[in-house]
Amino acid sequence: MKRILFIIAVMAAFVTTDASAQDFDLKKLLNKVSSSDSTKNSGGALSNLLGQLSNVLKPTDITGVWEYNGPAVKFKSDNLLMQAGGAAAGTTIKNKIEPYYKRAGLDKTVLTIEKDSTFVMSFKKGKLSGQIESGEDGTMVFRFKALGKINIGKMNASVSKLQGNKLQLTFDVSKLMKIVNAVASVSGSSSLQGLNKILQSYDGLEAGFELKKTKDLPGDKSK
């Protein structure tokens, strides 16, 4: 994060003195800097930064109705992914946990996000609702309530769009299990114990849902 802030500060020096504050456009500035002769040697880093900024999602970017398309897993760093055996590790883990998702009714998950950033997450055995806020480093914060009033806490989530109008939503493993336990009548069963055991066996793992959009809502900006 400090590195990104430093690069942005350096790029600000390229803004011409006659440019007014209201005309400042960070994305245009990034493009200007990345194409500058004086920054060609660092173009890769600037290009990567531009990609990160362009891909940061806000709650209003994911409005609509999203239905379960499969489990999702994500390693918190590329180093952890490599230590776990590369990209194939993610597929292996998803294949292992998918039967547990089905037994616990997580394959019936439906996430509805309104334009005011409120949401309802429905499962086979119940539902949660709450509010979504933008977090740090491109994450989103889900503030969960059970039965619309019982506060079960806020949880950071990694959110990214996938090809095919899909969304990947992952939480820290302990947070995911808290969500599941809040709504599943099978809490404490072998299904959830087995799921938790598999997920906890991988350091630095996040888990959650791959969702496919099935319906647009009024004011939807995620198209």
C-alpha atoms as a PDB file:
ATOM      1  CA  MET A   1       0.000   0.000   0.000  1.00  0.00           C
ATOM      2  CA  LYS A   2       2.863   2.391   0.859  1.00  0.00           C
ATOM      3  CA  ARG A   3       4.466   1.621  -2.494  1.00  0.00           C
ATOM      4  CA  ILE A   4       1.269   2.518  -4.336  1.00  0.00           C
ATOM      5  CA  LEU A   5       0.937   5.780  -2.424  1.00  0.00           C
ATOM      6  CA  PHE A   6       4.559   6.624  -3.206  1.00  0.00           C
ATOM      7  CA  ILE A   7       4.101   6.003  -6.924  1.00  0.00           C
ATOM      8  CA  ILE A   8       0.944   8.131  -6.960  1.00  0.00           C
ATOM      9  CA  ALA A   9       2.826  10.933  -5.218  1.00  0.00           C
ATOM     10  CA  VAL A  10       5.588  10.783  -7.811  1.00  0.00           C
ATOM     11  CA  MET A  11       3.077  10.797 -10.656  1.00  0.00           C
ATOM     12  CA  ALA A  12       1.398  13.877  -9.252  1.00  0.00           C
ATOM     13  CA  ALA A  13       4.525  15.815 -10.230  1.00  0.00           C
ATOM     14  CA  PHE A  14       3.553  15.329 -13.865  1.00  0.00           C
ATOM     15  CA  VAL A  15       0.396  17.397 -13.483  1.00  0.00           C
ATOM     16  CA  THR A  16       0.914  20.714 -15.286  1.00  0.00           C
ATOM     17  CA  THR A  17       0.756  23.817 -13.148  1.00  0.00           C
ATOM     18  CA  ASP A  18      -2.078  25.350 -15.173  1.00  0.00           C
ATOM     19  CA  ALA A  19      -4.359  22.348 -14.622  1.00  0.00           C
ATOM     20  CA  SER A  20      -7.176  23.137 -12.200  1.00  0.00           C
ATOM     21  CA  ALA A  21      -8.048  20.818  -9.341  1.00  0.00           C
ATOM     22  CA  GLN A  22     -11.450  19.982 -10.811  1.00  0.00           C
ATOM     23  CA  ASP A  23      -9.798  18.820 -14.033  1.00  0.00           C
ATOM     24  CA  PHE A  24      -7.610  16.291 -12.239  1.00  0.00           C
ATOM     25  CA  ASP A  25      -8.267  12.746 -13.430  1.00  0.00           C
ATOM     26  CA  LEU A  26      -6.102  10.061 -11.811  1.00  0.00           C
ATOM     27  CA  LYS A  27      -6.687   7.493 -14.514  1.00  0.00           C
ATOM     28  CA  LYS A  28      -5.758   9.931 -17.278  1.00  0.00           C
ATOM     29  CA  LEU A  29      -2.703  10.935 -15.288  1.00  0.00           C
ATOM     30  CA  LEU A  30      -1.629   7.319 -14.943  1.00  0.00           C
ATOM     31  CA  ASN A  31      -1.939   6.836 -18.686  1.00  0.00           C
ATOM     32  CA  LYS A  32       0.043  10.018 -19.276  1.00  0.00           C
ATOM     33  CA  VAL A  33       2.822   8.968 -16.933  1.00  0.00           C
ATOM     34  CA  SER A  34       3.043   5.393 -18.180  1.00  0.00           C
ATOM     35  CA  SER A  35       3.559   6.686 -21.738  1.00  0.00           C
ATOM     36  CA  SER A  36       6.122   9.331 -20.739  1.00  0.00           C
ATOM     37  CA  ASP A  37       9.695   8.911 -22.038  1.00  0.00           C
ATOM     38  CA  SER A  38      11.038   9.480 -18.549  1.00  0.00           C
ATOM     39  CA  THR A  39       9.084   6.552 -17.130  1.00  0.00           C
ATOM     40  CA  LYS A  40       9.434   3.948 -19.854  1.00  0.00           C
ATOM     41  CA  ASN A  41      11.786   1.893 -17.714  1.00  0.00           C
ATOM     42  CA  SER A  42       9.191   1.731 -14.958  1.00  0.00           C
ATOM     43  CA  GLY A  43       6.233   1.327 -17.293  1.00  0.00           C
ATOM     44  CA  GLY A  44       5.599  -2.203 -16.083  1.00  0.00           C
ATOM     45  CA  ALA A  45       5.076  -1.100 -12.499  1.00  0.00           C
ATOM     46  CA  LEU A  46       2.875   1.818 -13.537  1.00  0.00           C
ATOM     47  CA  SER A  47       0.857  -0.391 -15.863  1.00  0.00           C
ATOM     48  CA  ASN A  48       0.333  -2.860 -13.040  1.00  0.00           C
ATOM     49  CA  LEU A  49      -0.787  -0.048 -10.715  1.00  0.00           C
ATOM     50  CA  LEU A  50      -3.208   1.232 -13.341  1.00  0.00           C
ATOM     51  CA  GLY A  51      -4.664  -2.259 -13.639  1.00  0.00           C
ATOM     52  CA  GLN A  52      -5.104  -2.515  -9.880  1.00  0.00           C
ATOM     53  CA  LEU A  53      -6.908   0.821  -9.683  1.00  0.00           C
ATOM     54  CA  SER A  54      -9.131  -0.030 -12.646  1.00  0.00           C
ATOM     55  CA  ASN A  55     -10.138  -3.369 -11.113  1.00  0.00           C
ATOM     56  CA  VAL A  56     -11.066  -2.080  -7.665  1.00  0.00           C
ATOM     57  CA  LEU A  57     -14.775  -2.699  -7.196  1.00  0.00           C
ATOM     58  CA  LYS A  58     -17.286  -0.703  -5.187  1.00  0.00           C
ATOM     59  CA  PRO A  59     -20.545  -2.088  -3.758  1.00  0.00           C
ATOM     60  CA  THR A  60     -22.491  -0.256  -6.477  1.00  0.00           C
ATOM     61  CA  ASP A  61     -20.485  -2.186  -9.090  1.00  0.00           C
ATOM     62  CA  ILE A  62     -21.981  -5.517  -8.007  1.00  0.00           C
ATOM     63  CA  THR A  63     -25.679  -4.765  -7.628  1.00  0.00           C
ATOM     64  CA  GLY A  64     -28.082  -7.433  -8.844  1.00  0.00           C
ATOM     65  CA  VAL A  65     -29.075 -10.998  -8.013  1.00  0.00           C
ATOM     66  CA  TRP A  66     -26.242 -13.523  -7.889  1.00  0.00           C
ATOM     67  CA  GLU A  67     -26.780 -17.288  -7.531  1.00  0.00           C
ATOM     68  CA  TYR A  68     -24.393 -20.020  -6.435  1.00  0.00           C
ATOM     69  CA  ASN A  69     -22.208 -21.416  -9.197  1.00  0.00           C
ATOM     70  CA  GLY A  70     -19.703 -23.322  -7.073  1.00  0.00           C
ATOM     71  CA  PRO A  71     -17.287 -22.930  -4.155  1.00  0.00           C
ATOM     72  CA  ALA A  72     -14.468 -20.400  -4.447  1.00  0.00           C
ATOM     73  CA  VAL A  73     -11.050 -20.322  -2.806  1.00  0.00           C
ATOM     74  CA  LYS A  74      -8.263 -17.767  -2.881  1.00  0.00           C
ATOM     75  CA  PHE A  75      -4.786 -17.645  -1.391  1.00  0.00           C
ATOM     76  CA  LYS A  76      -3.926 -14.373   0.318  1.00  0.00           C
ATOM     77  CA  SER A  77      -0.638 -14.091  -1.555  1.00  0.00           C
ATOM     78  CA  ASP A  78       1.014 -15.487  -4.674  1.00  0.00           C
ATOM     79  CA  ASN A  79       3.770 -16.933  -2.480  1.00  0.00           C
ATOM     80  CA  LEU A  80       1.261 -19.002  -0.537  1.00  0.00           C
ATOM     81  CA  LEU A  81      -0.289 -20.177  -3.783  1.00  0.00           C
ATOM     82  CA  MET A  82       3.088 -21.377  -5.039  1.00  0.00           C
ATOM     83  CA  GLN A  83       3.821 -23.127  -1.756  1.00  0.00           C
ATOM     84  CA  ALA A  84       0.507 -24.944  -2.003  1.00  0.00           C
ATOM     85  CA  GLY A  85       1.430 -26.345  -5.408  1.00  0.00           C
ATOM     86  CA  GLY A  86       0.382 -23.693  -7.894  1.00  0.00           C
ATOM     87  CA  ALA A  87      -2.967 -22.894  -9.466  1.00  0.00           C
ATOM     88  CA  ALA A  88      -3.965 -26.556  -9.499  1.00  0.00           C
ATOM     89  CA  ALA A  89      -4.188 -26.407  -5.703  1.00  0.00           C
ATOM     90  CA  GLY A  90      -7.229 -24.140  -5.913  1.00  0.00           C
ATOM     91  CA  THR A  91      -9.089 -26.603  -8.129  1.00  0.00           C
ATOM     92  CA  THR A  92      -8.166 -29.501  -5.834  1.00  0.00           C
ATOM     93  CA  ILE A  93      -9.471 -27.680  -2.766  1.00  0.00           C
ATOM     94  CA  LYS A  94     -12.713 -26.688  -4.499  1.00  0.00           C
ATOM     95  CA  ASN A  95     -13.313 -30.295  -5.532  1.00  0.00           C
ATOM     96  CA  LYS A  96     -12.761 -31.412  -1.938  1.00  0.00           C
ATOM     97  CA  ILE A  97     -15.132 -28.921  -0.351  1.00  0.00           C
ATOM     98  CA  GLU A  98     -17.923 -28.960  -2.926  1.00  0.00           C
ATOM     99  CA  PRO A  99     -19.662 -32.059  -1.454  1.00  0.00           C
ATOM    100  CA  TYR A 100     -19.629 -30.401   1.981  1.00  0.00           C
ATOM    101  CA  TYR A 101     -21.150 -27.241   0.513  1.00  0.00           C
ATOM    102  CA  LYS A 102     -23.998 -29.313  -0.904  1.00  0.00           C
ATOM    103  CA  ARG A 103     -24.614 -31.202   2.332  1.00  0.00           C
ATOM    104  CA  ALA A 104     -24.745 -27.929   4.260  1.00  0.00           C
ATOM    105  CA  GLY A 105     -27.117 -26.357   1.707  1.00  0.00           C
ATOM    106  CA  LEU A 106     -24.597 -23.727   0.592  1.00  0.00           C
ATOM    107  CA  ASP A 107     -25.269 -24.676  -3.027  1.00  0.00           C
ATOM    108  CA  LYS A 108     -28.579 -22.790  -2.672  1.00  0.00           C
ATOM    109  CA  THR A 109     -26.871 -19.486  -1.872  1.00  0.00           C
ATOM    110  CA  VAL A 110     -28.414 -16.396  -3.468  1.00  0.00           C
ATOM    111  CA  LEU A 111     -26.906 -12.942  -2.929  1.00  0.00           C
ATOM    112  CA  THR A 112     -29.090  -9.911  -3.697  1.00  0.00           C
ATOM    113  CA  ILE A 113     -27.362  -6.516  -3.625  1.00  0.00           C
ATOM    114  CA  GLU A 114     -29.416  -3.330  -3.912  1.00  0.00           C
ATOM    115  CA  LYS A 115     -28.203   0.003  -5.307  1.00  0.00           C
ATOM    116  CA  ASP A 116     -28.084   1.442  -1.759  1.00  0.00           C
ATOM    117  CA  SER A 117     -25.493  -1.273  -0.913  1.00  0.00           C
ATOM    118  CA  THR A 118     -27.831  -3.253   1.320  1.00  0.00           C
ATOM    119  CA  PHE A 119     -27.840  -7.001   0.741  1.00  0.00           C
ATOM    120  CA  VAL A 120     -29.631 -10.228   1.517  1.00  0.00           C
ATOM    121  CA  MET A 121     -27.704 -13.505   1.438  1.00  0.00           C
ATOM    122  CA  SER A 122     -30.113 -16.434   1.342  1.00  0.00           C
ATOM    123  CA  PHE A 123     -29.228 -20.062   2.014  1.00  0.00           C
ATOM    124  CA  LYS A 124     -31.207 -23.278   2.058  1.00  0.00           C
ATOM    125  CA  LYS A 125     -31.577 -23.067   5.834  1.00  0.00           C
ATOM    126  CA  GLY A 126     -31.931 -19.339   6.395  1.00  0.00           C
ATOM    127  CA  LYS A 127     -30.683 -15.911   5.392  1.00  0.00           C
ATOM    128  CA  LEU A 128     -28.555 -12.976   6.478  1.00  0.00           C
ATOM    129  CA  SER A 129     -28.842  -9.315   5.581  1.00  0.00           C
ATOM    130  CA  GLY A 130     -26.888  -6.142   6.102  1.00  0.00           C
ATOM    131  CA  GLN A 131     -24.824  -3.440   4.459  1.00  0.00           C
ATOM    132  CA  ILE A 132     -21.730  -3.496   2.232  1.00  0.00           C
ATOM    133  CA  GLU A 133     -19.008  -0.865   2.449  1.00  0.00           C
ATOM    134  CA  SER A 134     -15.762  -0.314   0.560  1.00  0.00           C
ATOM    135  CA  GLY A 135     -12.778  -1.528   2.549  1.00  0.00           C
ATOM    136  CA  GLU A 136      -9.026  -1.135   2.258  1.00  0.00           C
ATOM    137  CA  ASP A 137      -6.817  -2.558  -0.497  1.00  0.00           C
ATOM    138  CA  GLY A 138      -9.749  -3.311  -2.763  1.00  0.00           C
ATOM    139  CA  THR A 139     -11.735  -5.375  -0.251  1.00  0.00           C
ATOM    140  CA  MET A 140     -15.350  -4.902   0.776  1.00  0.00           C
ATOM    141  CA  VAL A 141     -16.786  -4.992   4.278  1.00  0.00           C
ATOM    142  CA  PHE A 142     -19.975  -6.982   4.835  1.00  0.00           C
ATOM    143  CA  ARG A 143     -21.894  -6.031   7.987  1.00  0.00           C
ATOM    144  CA  PHE A 144     -24.040  -9.072   8.748  1.00  0.00           C
ATOM    145  CA  LYS A 145     -27.267  -9.315  10.685  1.00  0.00           C
ATOM    146  CA  ALA A 146     -29.265 -12.458  11.331  1.00  0.00           C
ATOM    147  CA  LEU A 147     -33.057 -12.179  11.112  1.00  0.00           C
ATOM    148  CA  GLY A 148     -32.530  -8.563  10.088  1.00  0.00           C
ATOM    149  CA  LYS A 149     -31.591  -7.409  13.594  1.00  0.00           C
ATOM    150  CA  ILE A 150     -29.075  -9.681  15.368  1.00  0.00           C
ATOM    151  CA  ASN A 151     -25.635  -8.247  14.656  1.00  0.00           C
ATOM    152  CA  ILE A 152     -23.079 -10.986  13.939  1.00  0.00           C
ATOM    153  CA  GLY A 153     -20.280  -8.627  13.005  1.00  0.00           C
ATOM    154  CA  LYS A 154     -18.453  -7.152  10.029  1.00  0.00           C
ATOM    155  CA  MET A 155     -16.309  -9.274   7.763  1.00  0.00           C
ATOM    156  CA  ASN A 156     -13.824  -8.299   5.089  1.00  0.00           C
ATOM    157  CA  ALA A 157     -14.333  -9.985   1.746  1.00  0.00           C
ATOM    158  CA  SER A 158     -12.240 -10.237  -1.397  1.00  0.00           C
ATOM    159  CA  VAL A 159     -14.511  -9.542  -4.366  1.00  0.00           C
ATOM    160  CA  SER A 160     -13.648  -9.875  -8.037  1.00  0.00           C
ATOM    161  CA  LYS A 161     -15.570 -10.214 -11.276  1.00  0.00           C
ATOM    162  CA  LEU A 162     -14.946 -13.232 -13.488  1.00  0.00           C
ATOM    163  CA  GLN A 163     -15.681 -13.920 -17.123  1.00  0.00           C
ATOM    164  CA  GLY A 164     -19.192 -15.090 -17.906  1.00  0.00           C
ATOM    165  CA  ASN A 165     -20.942 -12.527 -15.688  1.00  0.00           C
ATOM    166  CA  LYS A 166     -19.670 -14.217 -12.539  1.00  0.00           C
ATOM    167  CA  LEU A 167     -18.526 -12.950  -9.167  1.00  0.00           C
ATOM    168  CA  GLN A 168     -15.986 -14.428  -6.761  1.00  0.00           C
ATOM    169  CA  LEU A 169     -16.630 -13.666  -3.099  1.00  0.00           C
ATOM    170  CA  THR A 170     -14.209 -15.049  -0.487  1.00  0.00           C
ATOM    171  CA  PHE A 171     -13.723 -14.559   3.252  1.00  0.00           C
ATOM    172  CA  ASP A 172     -11.136 -15.604   5.787  1.00  0.00           C
ATOM    173  CA  VAL A 173     -11.907 -19.254   6.605  1.00  0.00           C
ATOM    174  CA  SER A 174     -12.891 -18.516  10.217  1.00  0.00           C
ATOM    175  CA  LYS A 175     -15.273 -15.789   9.022  1.00  0.00           C
ATOM    176  CA  LEU A 176     -16.866 -18.073   6.435  1.00  0.00           C
ATOM    177  CA  MET A 177     -17.542 -20.688   9.087  1.00  0.00           C
ATOM    178  CA  LYS A 178     -19.098 -18.003  11.300  1.00  0.00           C
ATOM    179  CA  ILE A 179     -21.455 -17.093   8.447  1.00  0.00           C
ATOM    180  CA  VAL A 180     -22.380 -20.720   7.822  1.00  0.00           C
ATOM    181  CA  ASN A 181     -22.950 -21.442  11.499  1.00  0.00           C
ATOM    182  CA  ALA A 182     -25.191 -18.387  11.794  1.00  0.00           C
ATOM    183  CA  VAL A 183     -27.717 -19.781   9.349  1.00  0.00           C
ATOM    184  CA  ALA A 184     -27.259 -23.550   9.129  1.00  0.00           C
ATOM    185  CA  SER A 185     -29.409 -25.817  11.233  1.00  0.00           C
ATOM    186  CA  VAL A 186     -26.768 -28.494  10.628  1.00  0.00           C
ATOM    187  CA  SER A 187     -24.208 -26.550  12.678  1.00  0.00           C
ATOM    188  CA  GLY A 188     -21.927 -28.917  14.531  1.00  0.00           C
ATOM    189  CA  SER A 189     -22.700 -31.746  12.126  1.00  0.00           C
ATOM    190  CA  SER A 190     -20.037 -33.817  10.410  1.00  0.00           C
ATOM    191  CA  SER A 191     -20.624 -31.787   7.235  1.00  0.00           C
ATOM    192  CA  LEU A 192     -19.503 -28.521   8.768  1.00  0.00           C
ATOM    193  CA  GLN A 193     -16.770 -30.143  10.826  1.00  0.00           C
ATOM    194  CA  GLY A 194     -15.390 -31.786   7.713  1.00  0.00           C
ATOM    195  CA  LEU A 195     -15.557 -28.549   5.737  1.00  0.00           C
ATOM    196  CA  ASN A 196     -13.800 -26.624   8.481  1.00  0.00           C
ATOM    197  CA  LYS A 197     -11.074 -29.264   8.799  1.00  0.00           C
ATOM    198  CA  ILE A 198     -10.228 -29.111   5.097  1.00  0.00           C
ATOM    199  CA  LEU A 199     -10.192 -25.316   4.938  1.00  0.00           C
ATOM    200  CA  GLN A 200      -8.128 -24.921   8.103  1.00  0.00           C
ATOM    201  CA  SER A 201      -5.461 -27.284   6.748  1.00  0.00           C
ATOM    202  CA  TYR A 202      -4.282 -24.622   4.276  1.00  0.00           C
ATOM    203  CA  ASP A 203      -2.488 -21.553   5.621  1.00  0.00           C
ATOM    204  CA  GLY A 204      -3.461 -18.192   4.151  1.00  0.00           C
ATOM    205  CA  LEU A 205      -6.608 -19.504   2.482  1.00  0.00           C
ATOM    206  CA  GLU A 206      -9.847 -17.619   1.900  1.00  0.00           C
ATOM    207  CA  ALA A 207     -13.024 -19.420   0.899  1.00  0.00           C
ATOM    208  CA  GLY A 208     -16.490 -18.531  -0.205  1.00  0.00           C
ATOM    209  CA  PHE A 209     -18.620 -18.557  -3.310  1.00  0.00           C
ATOM    210  CA  GLU A 210     -18.487 -18.249  -7.045  1.00  0.00           C
ATOM    211  CA  LEU A 211     -21.772 -16.643  -8.055  1.00  0.00           C
ATOM    212  CA  LYS A 212     -23.424 -16.096 -11.428  1.00  0.00           C
ATOM    213  CA  LYS A 213     -25.623 -13.094 -12.099  1.00  0.00           C
ATOM    214  CA  THR A 214     -29.212 -14.039 -12.851  1.00  0.00           C
ATOM    215  CA  LYS A 215     -31.051 -10.730 -12.591  1.00  0.00           C
ATOM    216  CA  ASP A 216     -30.449  -7.008 -12.919  1.00  0.00           C
ATOM    217  CA  LEU A 217     -32.048  -4.586 -10.466  1.00  0.00           C
ATOM    218  CA  PRO A 218     -33.142  -0.949 -10.955  1.00  0.00           C
ATOM    219  CA  GLY A 219     -30.094   1.306 -10.816  1.00  0.00           C
ATOM    220  CA  ASP A 220     -27.791  -1.633 -11.552  1.00  0.00           C
ATOM    221  CA  LYS A 221     -24.282  -0.429 -12.493  1.00  0.00           C
ATOM    222  CA  SER A 222     -22.711  -3.880 -12.680  1.00  0.00           C
ATOM    223  CA  LYS A 223     -23.769  -4.693 -16.229  1.00  0.00           C
END
